Amino acid sequence: MLPSTHLALHEARAAELRKEAADHALIPRDRRRIRTQVGLKLVELGTRLAQPPAHHRHRTRIA
């Protein structure tokens, strides 16, 4: 890849990242915290759902 092409791609990506950062900065801090907490809870829930169920051994009682 030509250095000029590589530089142009890098500058375009940097501009995209700057725009995303600016958009993120517009969200109030409290709302960001809540959004982060909800996201972490969803990840935790998804992880629990993806795990196989625990097998419980049933003990037979002989009287």
PDB file of N, CA and C in Angstrom:
ATOM      1  N   MET A   1       0.846  -1.167   0.000  1.00  0.00           N
ATOM      2  CA  MET A   1       0.000   0.000   0.000  1.00  0.00           C
ATOM      3  C   MET A   1       0.896   1.237   0.000  1.00  0.00           C
ATOM      4  N   LEU A   2       0.516   2.182  -0.791  1.00  0.00           N
ATOM      5  CA  LEU A   2       1.284   3.420  -0.863  1.00  0.00           C
ATOM      6  C   LEU A   2       1.172   4.184   0.453  1.00  0.00           C
ATOM      7  N   PRO A   3       2.243   4.842   0.863  1.00  0.00           N
ATOM      8  CA  PRO A   3       2.198   5.599   2.119  1.00  0.00           C
ATOM      9  C   PRO A   3       1.093   6.666   2.126  1.00  0.00           C
ATOM     10  N   SER A   4       0.871   7.291   0.990  1.00  0.00           N
ATOM     11  CA  SER A   4      -0.160   8.340   0.944  1.00  0.00           C
ATOM     12  C   SER A   4      -1.559   7.738   1.134  1.00  0.00           C
ATOM     13  N   THR A   5      -1.786   6.549   0.585  1.00  0.00           N
ATOM     14  CA  THR A   5      -3.065   5.877   0.754  1.00  0.00           C
ATOM     15  C   THR A   5      -3.250   5.455   2.207  1.00  0.00           C
ATOM     16  N   HIS A   6      -2.200   4.915   2.793  1.00  0.00           N
ATOM     17  CA  HIS A   6      -2.249   4.507   4.194  1.00  0.00           C
ATOM     18  C   HIS A   6      -2.553   5.706   5.091  1.00  0.00           C
ATOM     19  N   LEU A   7      -1.912   6.829   4.832  1.00  0.00           N
ATOM     20  CA  LEU A   7      -2.124   8.044   5.613  1.00  0.00           C
ATOM     21  C   LEU A   7      -3.565   8.546   5.455  1.00  0.00           C
ATOM     22  N   ALA A   8      -4.096   8.501   4.241  1.00  0.00           N
ATOM     23  CA  ALA A   8      -5.472   8.954   4.004  1.00  0.00           C
ATOM     24  C   ALA A   8      -6.463   8.075   4.762  1.00  0.00           C
ATOM     25  N   LEU A   9      -6.245   6.756   4.756  1.00  0.00           N
ATOM     26  CA  LEU A   9      -7.122   5.851   5.504  1.00  0.00           C
ATOM     27  C   LEU A   9      -7.021   6.111   7.006  1.00  0.00           C
ATOM     28  N   HIS A  10      -5.813   6.343   7.486  1.00  0.00           N
ATOM     29  CA  HIS A  10      -5.607   6.626   8.903  1.00  0.00           C
ATOM     30  C   HIS A  10      -6.319   7.924   9.306  1.00  0.00           C
ATOM     31  N   GLU A  11      -6.211   8.942   8.483  1.00  0.00           N
ATOM     32  CA  GLU A  11      -6.863  10.222   8.786  1.00  0.00           C
ATOM     33  C   GLU A  11      -8.383  10.088   8.776  1.00  0.00           C
ATOM     34  N   ALA A  12      -8.921   9.300   7.848  1.00  0.00           N
ATOM     35  CA  ALA A  12     -10.371   9.093   7.791  1.00  0.00           C
ATOM     36  C   ALA A  12     -10.854   8.368   9.041  1.00  0.00           C
ATOM     37  N   ARG A  13     -10.125   7.336   9.462  1.00  0.00           N
ATOM     38  CA  ARG A  13     -10.513   6.595  10.668  1.00  0.00           C
ATOM     39  C   ARG A  13     -10.385   7.474  11.909  1.00  0.00           C
ATOM     40  N   ALA A  14      -9.344   8.283  11.966  1.00  0.00           N
ATOM     41  CA  ALA A  14      -9.165   9.186  13.100  1.00  0.00           C
ATOM     42  C   ALA A  14     -10.316  10.182  13.184  1.00  0.00           C
ATOM     43  N   ALA A  15     -10.784  10.664  12.049  1.00  0.00           N
ATOM     44  CA  ALA A  15     -11.916  11.596  12.036  1.00  0.00           C
ATOM     45  C   ALA A  15     -13.184  10.904  12.539  1.00  0.00           C
ATOM     46  N   GLU A  16     -13.396   9.642  12.142  1.00  0.00           N
ATOM     47  CA  GLU A  16     -14.550   8.882  12.627  1.00  0.00           C
ATOM     48  C   GLU A  16     -14.487   8.712  14.144  1.00  0.00           C
ATOM     49  N   LEU A  17     -13.309   8.377  14.655  1.00  0.00           N
ATOM     50  CA  LEU A  17     -13.157   8.181  16.096  1.00  0.00           C
ATOM     51  C   LEU A  17     -13.365   9.484  16.860  1.00  0.00           C
ATOM     52  N   ARG A  18     -12.881  10.600  16.314  1.00  0.00           N
ATOM     53  CA  ARG A  18     -13.100  11.899  16.958  1.00  0.00           C
ATOM     54  C   ARG A  18     -14.586  12.236  17.031  1.00  0.00           C
ATOM     55  N   LYS A  19     -15.331  11.933  15.951  1.00  0.00           N
ATOM     56  CA  LYS A  19     -16.764  12.196  15.933  1.00  0.00           C
ATOM     57  C   LYS A  19     -17.482  11.333  16.964  1.00  0.00           C
ATOM     58  N   GLU A  20     -17.118  10.046  17.050  1.00  0.00           N
ATOM     59  CA  GLU A  20     -17.722   9.162  18.052  1.00  0.00           C
ATOM     60  C   GLU A  20     -17.433   9.664  19.463  1.00  0.00           C
ATOM     61  N   ALA A  21     -16.216  10.115  19.699  1.00  0.00           N
ATOM     62  CA  ALA A  21     -15.854  10.627  21.025  1.00  0.00           C
ATOM     63  C   ALA A  21     -16.645  11.881  21.356  1.00  0.00           C
ATOM     64  N   ALA A  22     -16.831  12.754  20.374  1.00  0.00           N
ATOM     65  CA  ALA A  22     -17.598  13.976  20.587  1.00  0.00           C
ATOM     66  C   ALA A  22     -19.064  13.644  20.872  1.00  0.00           C
ATOM     67  N   ASP A  23     -19.622  12.682  20.140  1.00  0.00           N
ATOM     68  CA  ASP A  23     -21.005  12.269  20.382  1.00  0.00           C
ATOM     69  C   ASP A  23     -21.152  11.675  21.776  1.00  0.00           C
ATOM     70  N   HIS A  24     -20.185  10.895  22.189  1.00  0.00           N
ATOM     71  CA  HIS A  24     -20.222  10.269  23.509  1.00  0.00           C
ATOM     72  C   HIS A  24     -20.136  11.328  24.612  1.00  0.00           C
ATOM     73  N   ALA A  25     -19.366  12.366  24.381  1.00  0.00           N
ATOM     74  CA  ALA A  25     -19.195  13.423  25.378  1.00  0.00           C
ATOM     75  C   ALA A  25     -20.493  14.204  25.594  1.00  0.00           C
ATOM     76  N   LEU A  26     -21.412  14.169  24.625  1.00  0.00           N
ATOM     77  CA  LEU A  26     -22.672  14.899  24.759  1.00  0.00           C
ATOM     78  C   LEU A  26     -23.651  14.207  25.702  1.00  0.00           C
ATOM     79  N   ILE A  27     -23.453  12.926  25.973  1.00  0.00           N
ATOM     80  CA  ILE A  27     -24.339  12.187  26.874  1.00  0.00           C
ATOM     81  C   ILE A  27     -23.987  12.578  28.307  1.00  0.00           C
ATOM     82  N   PRO A  28     -24.978  12.972  29.111  1.00  0.00           N
ATOM     83  CA  PRO A  28     -24.691  13.340  30.507  1.00  0.00           C
ATOM     84  C   PRO A  28     -24.041  12.182  31.266  1.00  0.00           C
ATOM     85  N   ARG A  29     -23.184  12.506  32.226  1.00  0.00           N
ATOM     86  CA  ARG A  29     -22.429  11.491  32.967  1.00  0.00           C
ATOM     87  C   ARG A  29     -23.330  10.483  33.671  1.00  0.00           C
ATOM     88  N   ASP A  30     -24.412  10.948  34.302  1.00  0.00           N
ATOM     89  CA  ASP A  30     -25.302  10.022  35.006  1.00  0.00           C
ATOM     90  C   ASP A  30     -25.904   9.010  34.045  1.00  0.00           C
ATOM     91  N   ARG A  31     -26.280   9.475  32.886  1.00  0.00           N
ATOM     92  CA  ARG A  31     -26.879   8.594  31.899  1.00  0.00           C
ATOM     93  C   ARG A  31     -25.859   7.581  31.378  1.00  0.00           C
ATOM     94  N   ARG A  32     -24.609   8.026  31.233  1.00  0.00           N
ATOM     95  CA  ARG A  32     -23.555   7.106  30.788  1.00  0.00           C
ATOM     96  C   ARG A  32     -23.347   6.014  31.826  1.00  0.00           C
ATOM     97  N   ARG A  33     -23.379   6.400  33.113  1.00  0.00           N
ATOM     98  CA  ARG A  33     -23.169   5.420  34.178  1.00  0.00           C
ATOM     99  C   ARG A  33     -24.283   4.379  34.176  1.00  0.00           C
ATOM    100  N   ILE A  34     -25.504   4.840  34.027  1.00  0.00           N
ATOM    101  CA  ILE A  34     -26.643   3.926  33.989  1.00  0.00           C
ATOM    102  C   ILE A  34     -26.531   3.014  32.772  1.00  0.00           C
ATOM    103  N   ARG A  35     -26.173   3.594  31.638  1.00  0.00           N
ATOM    104  CA  ARG A  35     -26.038   2.800  30.420  1.00  0.00           C
ATOM    105  C   ARG A  35     -24.962   1.733  30.571  1.00  0.00           C
ATOM    106  N   THR A  36     -23.870   2.083  31.228  1.00  0.00           N
ATOM    107  CA  THR A  36     -22.793   1.124  31.467  1.00  0.00           C
ATOM    108  C   THR A  36     -23.260   0.006  32.396  1.00  0.00           C
ATOM    109  N   GLN A  37     -23.977   0.374  33.461  1.00  0.00           N
ATOM    110  CA  GLN A  37     -24.458  -0.631  34.406  1.00  0.00           C
ATOM    111  C   GLN A  37     -25.441  -1.585  33.738  1.00  0.00           C
ATOM    112  N   VAL A  38     -26.347  -1.047  32.941  1.00  0.00           N
ATOM    113  CA  VAL A  38     -27.310  -1.896  32.236  1.00  0.00           C
ATOM    114  C   VAL A  38     -26.574  -2.817  31.262  1.00  0.00           C
ATOM    115  N   GLY A  39     -25.595  -2.286  30.570  1.00  0.00           N
ATOM    116  CA  GLY A  39     -24.822  -3.097  29.635  1.00  0.00           C
ATOM    117  C   GLY A  39     -24.097  -4.233  30.334  1.00  0.00           C
ATOM    118  N   LEU A  40     -23.501  -3.951  31.491  1.00  0.00           N
ATOM    119  CA  LEU A  40     -22.794  -4.995  32.231  1.00  0.00           C
ATOM    120  C   LEU A  40     -23.769  -6.059  32.732  1.00  0.00           C
ATOM    121  N   LYS A  41     -24.944  -5.656  33.171  1.00  0.00           N
ATOM    122  CA  LYS A  41     -25.952  -6.629  33.622  1.00  0.00           C
ATOM    123  C   LYS A  41     -26.406  -7.506  32.463  1.00  0.00           C
ATOM    124  N   LEU A  42     -26.554  -6.921  31.279  1.00  0.00           N
ATOM    125  CA  LEU A  42     -26.949  -7.712  30.116  1.00  0.00           C
ATOM    126  C   LEU A  42     -25.869  -8.711  29.733  1.00  0.00           C
ATOM    127  N   VAL A  43     -24.620  -8.312  29.842  1.00  0.00           N
ATOM    128  CA  VAL A  43     -23.520  -9.227  29.556  1.00  0.00           C
ATOM    129  C   VAL A  43     -23.518 -10.361  30.574  1.00  0.00           C
ATOM    130  N   GLU A  44     -23.718 -10.019  31.852  1.00  0.00           N
ATOM    131  CA  GLU A  44     -23.763 -11.046  32.894  1.00  0.00           C
ATOM    132  C   GLU A  44     -24.908 -12.031  32.645  1.00  0.00           C
ATOM    133  N   LEU A  45     -26.072 -11.506  32.302  1.00  0.00           N
ATOM    134  CA  LEU A  45     -27.225 -12.354  32.020  1.00  0.00           C
ATOM    135  C   LEU A  45     -26.951 -13.264  30.823  1.00  0.00           C
ATOM    136  N   GLY A  46     -26.395 -12.699  29.769  1.00  0.00           N
ATOM    137  CA  GLY A  46     -26.074 -13.489  28.579  1.00  0.00           C
ATOM    138  C   GLY A  46     -25.069 -14.585  28.879  1.00  0.00           C
ATOM    139  N   THR A  47     -24.088 -14.271  29.719  1.00  0.00           N
ATOM    140  CA  THR A  47     -23.090 -15.270  30.093  1.00  0.00           C
ATOM    141  C   THR A  47     -23.735 -16.412  30.877  1.00  0.00           C
ATOM    142  N   ARG A  48     -24.639 -16.057  31.784  1.00  0.00           N
ATOM    143  CA  ARG A  48     -25.324 -17.098  32.567  1.00  0.00           C
ATOM    144  C   ARG A  48     -26.213 -17.959  31.674  1.00  0.00           C
ATOM    145  N   LEU A  49     -26.873 -17.344  30.721  1.00  0.00           N
ATOM    146  CA  LEU A  49     -27.740 -18.105  29.829  1.00  0.00           C
ATOM    147  C   LEU A  49     -26.940 -19.014  28.898  1.00  0.00           C
ATOM    148  N   ALA A  50     -25.724 -18.616  28.573  1.00  0.00           N
ATOM    149  CA  ALA A  50     -24.894 -19.400  27.660  1.00  0.00           C
ATOM    150  C   ALA A  50     -24.249 -20.603  28.344  1.00  0.00           C
ATOM    151  N   GLN A  51     -24.179 -20.579  29.667  1.00  0.00           N
ATOM    152  CA  GLN A  51     -23.566 -21.698  30.383  1.00  0.00           C
ATOM    153  C   GLN A  51     -24.528 -22.868  30.437  1.00  0.00           C
ATOM    154  N   PRO A  52     -23.994 -24.082  30.368  1.00  0.00           N
ATOM    155  CA  PRO A  52     -24.872 -25.248  30.481  1.00  0.00           C
ATOM    156  C   PRO A  52     -25.436 -25.328  31.902  1.00  0.00           C
ATOM    157  N   PRO A  53     -26.637 -25.882  32.049  1.00  0.00           N
ATOM    158  CA  PRO A  53     -27.231 -25.970  33.379  1.00  0.00           C
ATOM    159  C   PRO A  53     -26.430 -26.909  34.276  1.00  0.00           C
ATOM    160  N   ALA A  54     -26.422 -26.593  35.554  1.00  0.00           N
ATOM    161  CA  ALA A  54     -25.714 -27.432  36.515  1.00  0.00           C
ATOM    162  C   ALA A  54     -26.508 -28.720  36.718  1.00  0.00           C
ATOM    163  N   HIS A  55     -25.808 -29.841  36.760  1.00  0.00           N
ATOM    164  CA  HIS A  55     -26.469 -31.124  36.967  1.00  0.00           C
ATOM    165  C   HIS A  55     -26.511 -31.422  38.462  1.00  0.00           C
ATOM    166  N   HIS A  56     -27.689 -31.711  38.944  1.00  0.00           N
ATOM    167  CA  HIS A  56     -27.853 -32.054  40.347  1.00  0.00           C
ATOM    168  C   HIS A  56     -28.047 -33.562  40.455  1.00  0.00           C
ATOM    169  N   ARG A  57     -27.350 -34.159  41.366  1.00  0.00           N
ATOM    170  CA  ARG A  57     -27.518 -35.596  41.581  1.00  0.00           C
ATOM    171  C   ARG A  57     -28.697 -35.815  42.514  1.00  0.00           C
ATOM    172  N   HIS A  58     -29.559 -36.699  42.119  1.00  0.00           N
ATOM    173  CA  HIS A  58     -30.689 -37.061  42.958  1.00  0.00           C
ATOM    174  C   HIS A  58     -30.306 -38.276  43.778  1.00  0.00           C
ATOM    175  N   ARG A  59     -30.478 -38.158  45.047  1.00  0.00           N
ATOM    176  CA  ARG A  59     -30.160 -39.284  45.923  1.00  0.00           C
ATOM    177  C   ARG A  59     -31.418 -40.074  46.188  1.00  0.00           C
ATOM    178  N   THR A  60     -31.333 -41.356  46.012  1.00  0.00           N
ATOM    179  CA  THR A  60     -32.466 -42.228  46.281  1.00  0.00           C
ATOM    180  C   THR A  60     -32.402 -42.663  47.725  1.00  0.00           C
ATOM    181  N   ARG A  61     -33.478 -42.455  48.380  1.00  0.00           N
ATOM    182  CA  ARG A  61     -33.537 -42.820  49.793  1.00  0.00           C
ATOM    183  C   ARG A  61     -34.103 -44.222  49.934  1.00  0.00           C
ATOM    184  N   ILE A  62     -33.391 -45.068  50.582  1.00  0.00           N
ATOM    185  CA  ILE A  62     -33.875 -46.429  50.817  1.00  0.00           C
ATOM    186  C   ILE A  62     -34.220 -46.523  52.290  1.00  0.00           C
ATOM    187  N   ALA A  63     -35.493 -46.788  52.574  1.00  0.00           N
ATOM    188  CA  ALA A  63     -35.930 -46.834  53.974  1.00  0.00           C
ATOM    189  C   ALA A  63     -35.930 -48.221  54.535  1.00  0.00           C
TER     190      ALA A  63
END
